[in-house]
Amino acid sequence: MTVATAELFRGILPRNMLPLGFGSGALLSKRRTRREALRLLEAAMDCGVTYFDTARMYGAGRAEGILGELTARNRERLVLASKAGILPQSRALHVRARSRSIRLLHKVVPSSRNYLPVPSASVPHFGAFGLVEFQESVETSLKELRTDYLDILLLHECSAADLEETDLLHVLDGLKREGKVRAFGIATGIEETTSILKRHAALLDVVQIPSAIWNMNVRRLPTIEGLVITHSSLTSRFNILLDRLLSDERMAAEWHSLTKVDPRDSTELAHLLLAHALNANPNGIVIFFSSSPANVVANVKSVSSRAIDEKQIAGLNALLARKDVAEFFETSFRGLNF
């Protein structure tokens, strides 16, 4: 689906919208206050981003509430996508107090880990597709986001088996009939995604997957009618790649020669990878996150102005086709999830 033909997607996506979305998975951290997190969202919106991705479990259940502060003032300007299927850890005072006490005991008496685990309520609850908990999760998302509808609802880390539950599909259809959800889809790994699409492609409006230069998962998707969203083009692996380019003069020179981008400049390298992700998913949306407002603005400006051209992307593709680059990704990223 092209952004230019957004009408075909039930009018959910605004005409000529920027195909870049802002993700809130890392919105909250120990070093970032709630106000600073909100400023990141505001910076993204102010420079043209309209698509915002979140989930019930992000930020231990707090990310939606921060995004809701933005939504309350700008709902008609935004496309909101949230997820259900993973519940955040309990924030009840007694649960948090007990968890802190047990973690402290683990530090003081390491052997206590063998017989006194941290309460399970303090970790996210995966596979929350039971009808009651699923519906409650969606209602909580609506409340936190300060809206009466979600543009997109995604099944978070779902499996093909989850979609075999006809009651869940009935619930999703009911949410659409009630106007609480305008479109739904899946947000899971590439293996589960391809498995689900073999059986249920016709049921899905949206597919969201991780995809980056080191795996190019988007190329593994079959042709589908719905919207394709990718994420994880800039993750912890980005820093590993940057460190290698900083330490390997020959490798850096080859990257510079083919892409005309200084690969040892983290900003330029990020712009190259974002442009490549958009090129690989030309009819969809690419989600990104930056930890400072200045970087948010710089990334959006780079995409909006098309600072990276087709020849530079072709140069990066030539690098990715090389055996030594593939081997570097394989050895350096082995065991990493993102």
Protein backbone atom coordinates (compact mmCIF):
# COMPACT_ATOMS: atom_id res chain seq x y z
CA MET A 1 0.00 0.00 0.00
CA THR A 2 1.35 3.41 -0.90
CA VAL A 3 0.92 6.43 1.30
CA ALA A 4 -0.41 8.30 -1.74
CA THR A 5 -3.35 5.88 -1.89
CA ALA A 6 -4.13 6.13 1.81
CA GLU A 7 -7.86 6.17 1.07
CA LEU A 8 -7.61 2.47 0.34
CA PHE A 9 -6.50 1.97 3.93
CA ARG A 10 -9.84 3.13 5.23
CA GLY A 11 -8.68 6.71 5.51
CA ILE A 12 -6.49 5.90 8.50
CA LEU A 13 -3.31 7.40 7.12
CA PRO A 14 -3.38 11.09 6.18
CA ARG A 15 -2.65 11.95 2.58
CA ASN A 16 1.07 12.59 1.93
CA MET A 17 2.06 11.74 5.49
CA LEU A 18 5.73 11.33 6.35
CA PRO A 19 6.49 7.57 6.15
CA LEU A 20 8.47 7.80 9.38
CA GLY A 21 6.96 6.85 12.74
CA PHE A 22 8.23 7.51 16.25
CA GLY A 23 8.49 4.56 18.63
CA SER A 24 8.05 4.71 22.40
CA GLY A 25 9.57 1.38 23.39
CA ALA A 26 12.62 3.15 24.86
CA LEU A 27 10.81 6.36 25.75
CA LEU A 28 11.34 5.96 29.49
CA SER A 29 14.64 5.29 31.21
CA LYS A 30 16.30 5.93 34.55
CA ARG A 31 18.07 8.92 33.03
CA ARG A 32 15.01 10.48 31.37
CA THR A 33 12.26 12.26 33.25
CA ARG A 34 8.62 12.15 32.23
CA ARG A 35 8.87 15.73 31.01
CA GLU A 36 11.94 14.92 28.92
CA ALA A 37 10.14 11.92 27.43
CA LEU A 38 7.19 14.13 26.49
CA ARG A 39 9.58 16.60 24.89
CA LEU A 40 10.88 13.86 22.59
CA LEU A 41 7.32 13.16 21.44
CA GLU A 42 6.64 16.85 20.96
CA ALA A 43 9.85 17.27 18.96
CA ALA A 44 8.80 14.44 16.63
CA MET A 45 5.33 15.90 16.10
CA ASP A 46 6.58 19.46 15.66
CA CYS A 47 8.87 18.45 12.79
CA GLY A 48 6.23 16.49 10.91
CA VAL A 49 5.87 13.02 12.41
CA THR A 50 2.23 11.96 12.72
CA TYR A 51 2.59 8.20 13.31
CA PHE A 52 3.30 7.18 16.91
CA ASP A 53 3.88 3.58 17.99
CA THR A 54 3.42 2.39 21.55
CA ALA A 55 2.29 -0.66 23.55
CA ARG A 56 0.55 -1.48 26.79
CA MET A 57 3.79 -2.83 28.28
CA TYR A 58 6.19 -0.08 27.19
CA GLY A 59 7.79 1.84 30.02
CA ALA A 60 6.33 -0.62 32.55
CA GLY A 61 2.89 0.56 31.50
CA ARG A 62 3.69 4.29 31.61
CA ALA A 63 4.61 5.11 28.00
CA GLU A 64 1.00 5.26 26.81
CA GLY A 65 0.18 7.77 29.53
CA ILE A 66 2.94 10.12 28.40
CA LEU A 67 1.89 9.81 24.77
CA GLY A 68 -1.65 10.49 25.99
CA GLU A 69 -0.55 13.96 27.10
CA LEU A 70 0.35 14.69 23.48
CA THR A 71 -2.78 12.99 22.17
CA ALA A 72 -5.12 14.99 24.37
CA ARG A 73 -4.08 18.19 22.60
CA ASN A 74 -3.52 16.87 19.07
CA ARG A 75 -5.65 13.75 18.48
CA GLU A 76 -6.85 14.68 15.01
CA ARG A 77 -3.28 15.22 13.82
CA LEU A 78 -1.94 11.85 14.99
CA VAL A 79 -2.07 8.22 13.92
CA LEU A 80 -1.90 6.08 17.05
CA ALA A 81 -0.81 2.44 17.01
CA SER A 82 -0.72 0.44 20.23
CA LYS A 83 -0.39 -3.22 21.08
CA ALA A 84 -2.05 -5.77 23.32
CA GLY A 85 -0.79 -9.19 24.29
CA ILE A 86 1.98 -8.32 26.74
CA LEU A 87 0.96 -6.84 30.08
CA PRO A 88 3.38 -4.65 32.04
CA GLN A 89 4.68 -5.67 35.42
CA SER A 90 2.45 -4.81 38.33
CA ARG A 91 2.94 -1.30 39.67
CA ALA A 92 1.05 -1.95 42.89
CA LEU A 93 2.98 -0.48 45.83
CA HIS A 94 3.20 -3.72 47.79
CA VAL A 95 4.44 -5.65 44.75
CA ARG A 96 7.13 -3.08 43.98
CA ALA A 97 8.22 -2.93 47.61
CA ARG A 98 8.51 -6.72 47.84
CA SER A 99 10.42 -6.88 44.55
CA ARG A 100 12.90 -4.23 45.70
CA SER A 101 13.41 -6.07 48.97
CA ILE A 102 14.09 -9.36 47.23
CA ARG A 103 16.50 -7.77 44.73
CA LEU A 104 18.38 -6.16 47.62
CA LEU A 105 18.57 -9.53 49.36
CA HIS A 106 19.94 -11.09 46.16
CA LYS A 107 22.78 -8.55 46.20
CA VAL A 108 23.58 -9.10 49.87
CA VAL A 109 23.06 -12.86 49.86
CA PRO A 110 23.60 -14.12 46.29
CA SER A 111 22.63 -17.68 47.22
CA SER A 112 19.09 -16.44 47.95
CA ARG A 113 18.51 -16.35 44.20
CA ASN A 114 18.28 -20.14 44.32
CA TYR A 115 15.26 -20.23 46.59
CA LEU A 116 13.68 -16.77 46.53
CA PRO A 117 12.85 -15.53 43.02
CA VAL A 118 11.57 -12.06 42.25
CA PRO A 119 7.73 -12.22 42.17
CA SER A 120 6.44 -13.09 38.71
CA ALA A 121 4.10 -10.09 38.85
CA SER A 122 7.17 -7.86 38.57
CA VAL A 123 8.01 -9.02 35.05
CA PRO A 124 5.94 -8.52 31.89
CA HIS A 125 3.24 -11.09 31.26
CA PHE A 126 3.52 -12.43 27.71
CA GLY A 127 0.78 -14.21 25.78
CA ALA A 128 -2.01 -12.15 27.36
CA PHE A 129 -4.59 -13.06 24.71
CA GLY A 130 -7.27 -14.36 27.04
CA LEU A 131 -10.49 -12.59 26.18
CA VAL A 132 -10.94 -10.77 29.48
CA GLU A 133 -7.35 -9.63 29.92
CA PHE A 134 -7.08 -8.70 26.24
CA GLN A 135 -10.19 -6.53 26.32
CA GLU A 136 -9.11 -4.93 29.58
CA SER A 137 -5.71 -4.18 28.04
CA VAL A 138 -7.30 -2.40 25.08
CA GLU A 139 -9.61 -0.39 27.34
CA THR A 140 -6.63 0.61 29.49
CA SER A 141 -4.72 1.72 26.39
CA LEU A 142 -7.63 3.91 25.32
CA LYS A 143 -7.80 5.47 28.76
CA GLU A 144 -4.06 6.08 29.01
CA LEU A 145 -3.87 7.49 25.50
CA ARG A 146 -6.86 9.76 26.20
CA THR A 147 -8.71 8.71 23.09
CA ASP A 148 -11.85 6.78 22.27
CA TYR A 149 -10.26 4.89 19.37
CA LEU A 150 -6.96 3.43 18.18
CA ASP A 151 -6.03 3.84 14.55
CA ILE A 152 -4.17 0.54 14.70
CA LEU A 153 -4.17 -2.27 17.26
CA LEU A 154 -1.42 -4.87 16.97
CA LEU A 155 -1.19 -8.30 18.59
CA HIS A 156 2.09 -8.06 20.47
CA GLU A 157 4.49 -11.00 20.01
CA CYS A 158 1.64 -13.26 18.97
CA SER A 159 1.92 -16.71 17.43
CA ALA A 160 -0.05 -18.50 14.74
CA ALA A 161 -1.76 -20.47 17.51
CA ASP A 162 -3.08 -17.27 19.08
CA LEU A 163 -4.90 -16.42 15.87
CA GLU A 164 -6.49 -19.86 15.76
CA GLU A 165 -8.61 -18.73 18.69
CA THR A 166 -11.79 -17.70 16.89
CA ASP A 167 -13.06 -15.88 20.00
CA LEU A 168 -10.08 -13.50 19.81
CA LEU A 169 -10.88 -12.74 16.18
CA HIS A 170 -14.49 -12.07 17.16
CA VAL A 171 -13.30 -9.65 19.83
CA LEU A 172 -11.14 -7.84 17.28
CA ASP A 173 -14.04 -7.63 14.83
CA GLY A 174 -16.24 -6.32 17.64
CA LEU A 175 -13.72 -3.60 18.51
CA LYS A 176 -13.75 -2.48 14.87
CA ARG A 177 -17.54 -2.46 14.70
CA GLU A 178 -17.67 -0.37 17.88
CA GLY A 179 -15.21 2.11 16.38
CA LYS A 180 -12.63 1.53 19.11
CA VAL A 181 -10.11 0.13 16.63
CA ARG A 182 -9.88 1.16 13.00
CA ALA A 183 -7.46 -1.54 11.84
CA PHE A 184 -5.63 -4.44 13.41
CA GLY A 185 -2.62 -6.58 12.69
CA ILE A 186 0.39 -8.31 14.20
CA ALA A 187 3.69 -7.15 15.67
CA THR A 188 6.01 -10.10 16.16
CA GLY A 189 9.22 -11.71 14.88
CA ILE A 190 9.79 -12.59 11.25
CA GLU A 191 9.46 -16.35 11.70
CA GLU A 192 6.08 -16.09 13.41
CA THR A 193 5.00 -13.42 10.95
CA THR A 194 5.63 -15.59 7.90
CA SER A 195 3.87 -18.51 9.60
CA ILE A 196 0.83 -16.37 10.43
CA LEU A 197 0.65 -14.90 6.93
CA LYS A 198 0.47 -18.36 5.37
CA ARG A 199 -2.80 -18.96 7.22
CA HIS A 200 -4.33 -15.60 8.03
CA ALA A 201 -3.02 -12.96 5.62
CA ALA A 202 -6.54 -12.00 4.57
CA LEU A 203 -7.51 -11.17 8.16
CA LEU A 204 -4.74 -8.66 8.77
CA ASP A 205 -4.66 -4.96 7.92
CA VAL A 206 -1.13 -4.37 9.24
CA VAL A 207 2.10 -6.34 9.66
CA GLN A 208 4.93 -4.98 11.81
CA ILE A 209 8.35 -6.63 11.93
CA PRO A 210 11.94 -5.86 12.92
CA SER A 211 14.11 -5.27 9.85
CA ALA A 212 17.57 -3.76 9.43
CA ILE A 213 20.57 -3.95 7.12
CA TRP A 214 21.95 -6.95 9.01
CA ASN A 215 18.90 -9.16 8.43
CA MET A 216 16.69 -7.49 5.75
CA ASN A 217 13.64 -9.27 7.12
CA VAL A 218 11.35 -7.10 5.02
CA ARG A 219 12.54 -8.99 1.95
CA ARG A 220 11.29 -12.24 3.45
CA LEU A 221 7.69 -11.08 3.56
CA PRO A 222 5.31 -12.33 0.90
CA THR A 223 3.34 -9.74 -1.03
CA ILE A 224 0.44 -8.57 1.12
CA GLU A 225 -2.41 -6.10 0.68
CA GLY A 226 -2.02 -4.38 4.02
CA LEU A 227 0.38 -1.90 5.54
CA VAL A 228 3.94 -3.04 6.33
CA ILE A 229 5.73 -1.36 9.23
CA THR A 230 9.37 -2.02 10.07
CA HIS A 231 11.46 -1.12 13.09
CA SER A 232 14.92 -1.71 14.62
CA SER A 233 17.02 -0.14 11.86
CA LEU A 234 18.80 1.77 14.65
CA THR A 235 19.41 -0.43 17.69
CA SER A 236 22.29 -1.51 19.92
CA ARG A 237 23.77 -3.20 16.86
CA PHE A 238 24.14 0.24 15.31
CA ASN A 239 26.70 1.12 18.01
CA ILE A 240 28.59 -2.13 17.40
CA LEU A 241 28.77 -1.30 13.70
CA LEU A 242 29.87 2.27 14.45
CA ASP A 243 32.60 1.07 16.81
CA ARG A 244 33.95 -1.27 14.13
CA LEU A 245 33.99 1.49 11.54
CA LEU A 246 35.79 3.79 13.98
CA SER A 247 38.49 1.20 14.61
CA ASP A 248 38.87 -0.26 11.10
CA GLU A 249 40.29 2.33 8.67
CA ARG A 250 40.06 0.03 5.66
CA MET A 251 36.43 -0.89 6.30
CA ALA A 252 35.51 2.76 6.91
CA ALA A 253 37.20 3.82 3.68
CA GLU A 254 35.28 1.22 1.69
CA TRP A 255 31.96 2.32 3.21
CA HIS A 256 32.77 5.95 2.49
CA SER A 257 33.77 5.18 -1.09
CA LEU A 258 30.54 3.38 -1.91
CA THR A 259 28.02 5.42 0.09
CA LYS A 260 29.60 8.89 0.06
CA VAL A 261 28.74 9.08 3.76
CA ASP A 262 31.29 9.33 6.54
CA PRO A 263 30.48 6.07 8.34
CA ARG A 264 32.38 7.20 11.44
CA ASP A 265 29.95 10.08 11.91
CA SER A 266 27.12 8.56 13.94
CA THR A 267 24.57 11.08 12.65
CA GLU A 268 25.42 10.51 8.99
CA LEU A 269 25.46 6.75 9.46
CA ALA A 270 22.04 6.86 11.16
CA HIS A 271 20.63 8.89 8.27
CA LEU A 272 21.99 6.37 5.79
CA LEU A 273 20.44 3.44 7.61
CA LEU A 274 17.07 5.18 7.97
CA ALA A 275 17.04 6.07 4.27
CA HIS A 276 17.91 2.47 3.42
CA ALA A 277 15.08 1.18 5.63
CA LEU A 278 12.58 3.45 3.89
CA ASN A 279 13.88 2.39 0.49
CA ALA A 280 13.47 -1.27 1.46
CA ASN A 281 9.88 -0.65 2.60
CA PRO A 282 8.75 1.96 0.05
CA ASN A 283 5.02 1.54 0.57
CA GLY A 284 5.07 1.35 4.35
CA ILE A 285 6.27 3.07 7.49
CA VAL A 286 9.62 2.89 9.28
CA ILE A 287 9.66 3.43 13.05
CA PHE A 288 12.65 5.07 14.69
CA PHE A 289 13.64 6.40 18.10
CA SER A 290 16.21 9.02 19.10
CA SER A 291 17.14 9.91 22.64
CA SER A 292 17.44 13.67 22.15
CA PRO A 293 15.12 16.22 20.51
CA ALA A 294 17.98 17.46 18.32
CA ASN A 295 18.55 13.96 16.93
CA VAL A 296 14.82 13.51 16.35
CA VAL A 297 14.72 16.70 14.31
CA ALA A 298 17.91 15.81 12.40
CA ASN A 299 16.58 12.36 11.46
CA VAL A 300 13.25 13.71 10.26
CA LYS A 301 14.93 16.53 8.32
CA SER A 302 17.23 14.04 6.60
CA VAL A 303 14.27 11.93 5.50
CA SER A 304 12.09 14.88 4.50
CA SER A 305 14.83 16.48 2.40
CA ARG A 306 15.93 13.15 0.92
CA ALA A 307 19.48 13.92 1.95
CA ILE A 308 20.48 10.34 1.04
CA ASP A 309 19.96 9.59 -2.66
CA GLU A 310 19.42 6.41 -4.63
CA LYS A 311 23.08 6.08 -5.60
CA GLN A 312 24.14 6.13 -1.95
CA ILE A 313 21.57 3.48 -1.09
CA ALA A 314 22.77 1.39 -4.04
CA GLY A 315 26.30 1.71 -2.67
CA LEU A 316 25.15 0.41 0.70
CA ASN A 317 23.37 -2.49 -1.00
CA ALA A 318 26.62 -3.34 -2.79
CA LEU A 319 28.35 -3.49 0.59
CA LEU A 320 25.62 -5.67 2.06
CA ALA A 321 26.04 -8.15 -0.79
CA ARG A 322 29.68 -8.73 0.13
CA LYS A 323 30.67 -11.88 1.94
CA ASP A 324 32.99 -10.14 4.41
CA VAL A 325 30.24 -7.72 5.51
CA ALA A 326 27.78 -10.58 5.95
CA GLU A 327 30.36 -12.45 8.03
CA PHE A 328 30.94 -9.37 10.18
CA PHE A 329 27.23 -9.12 10.95
CA GLU A 330 27.04 -12.84 11.67
CA THR A 331 29.96 -12.93 14.08
CA SER A 332 29.40 -9.55 15.75
CA PHE A 333 25.65 -9.81 16.30
CA ARG A 334 25.34 -13.46 17.22
CA GLY A 335 23.09 -13.88 20.24
CA LEU A 336 21.68 -10.35 20.12
CA ASN A 337 17.91 -9.96 19.89
CA PHE A 338 17.93 -6.53 18.26
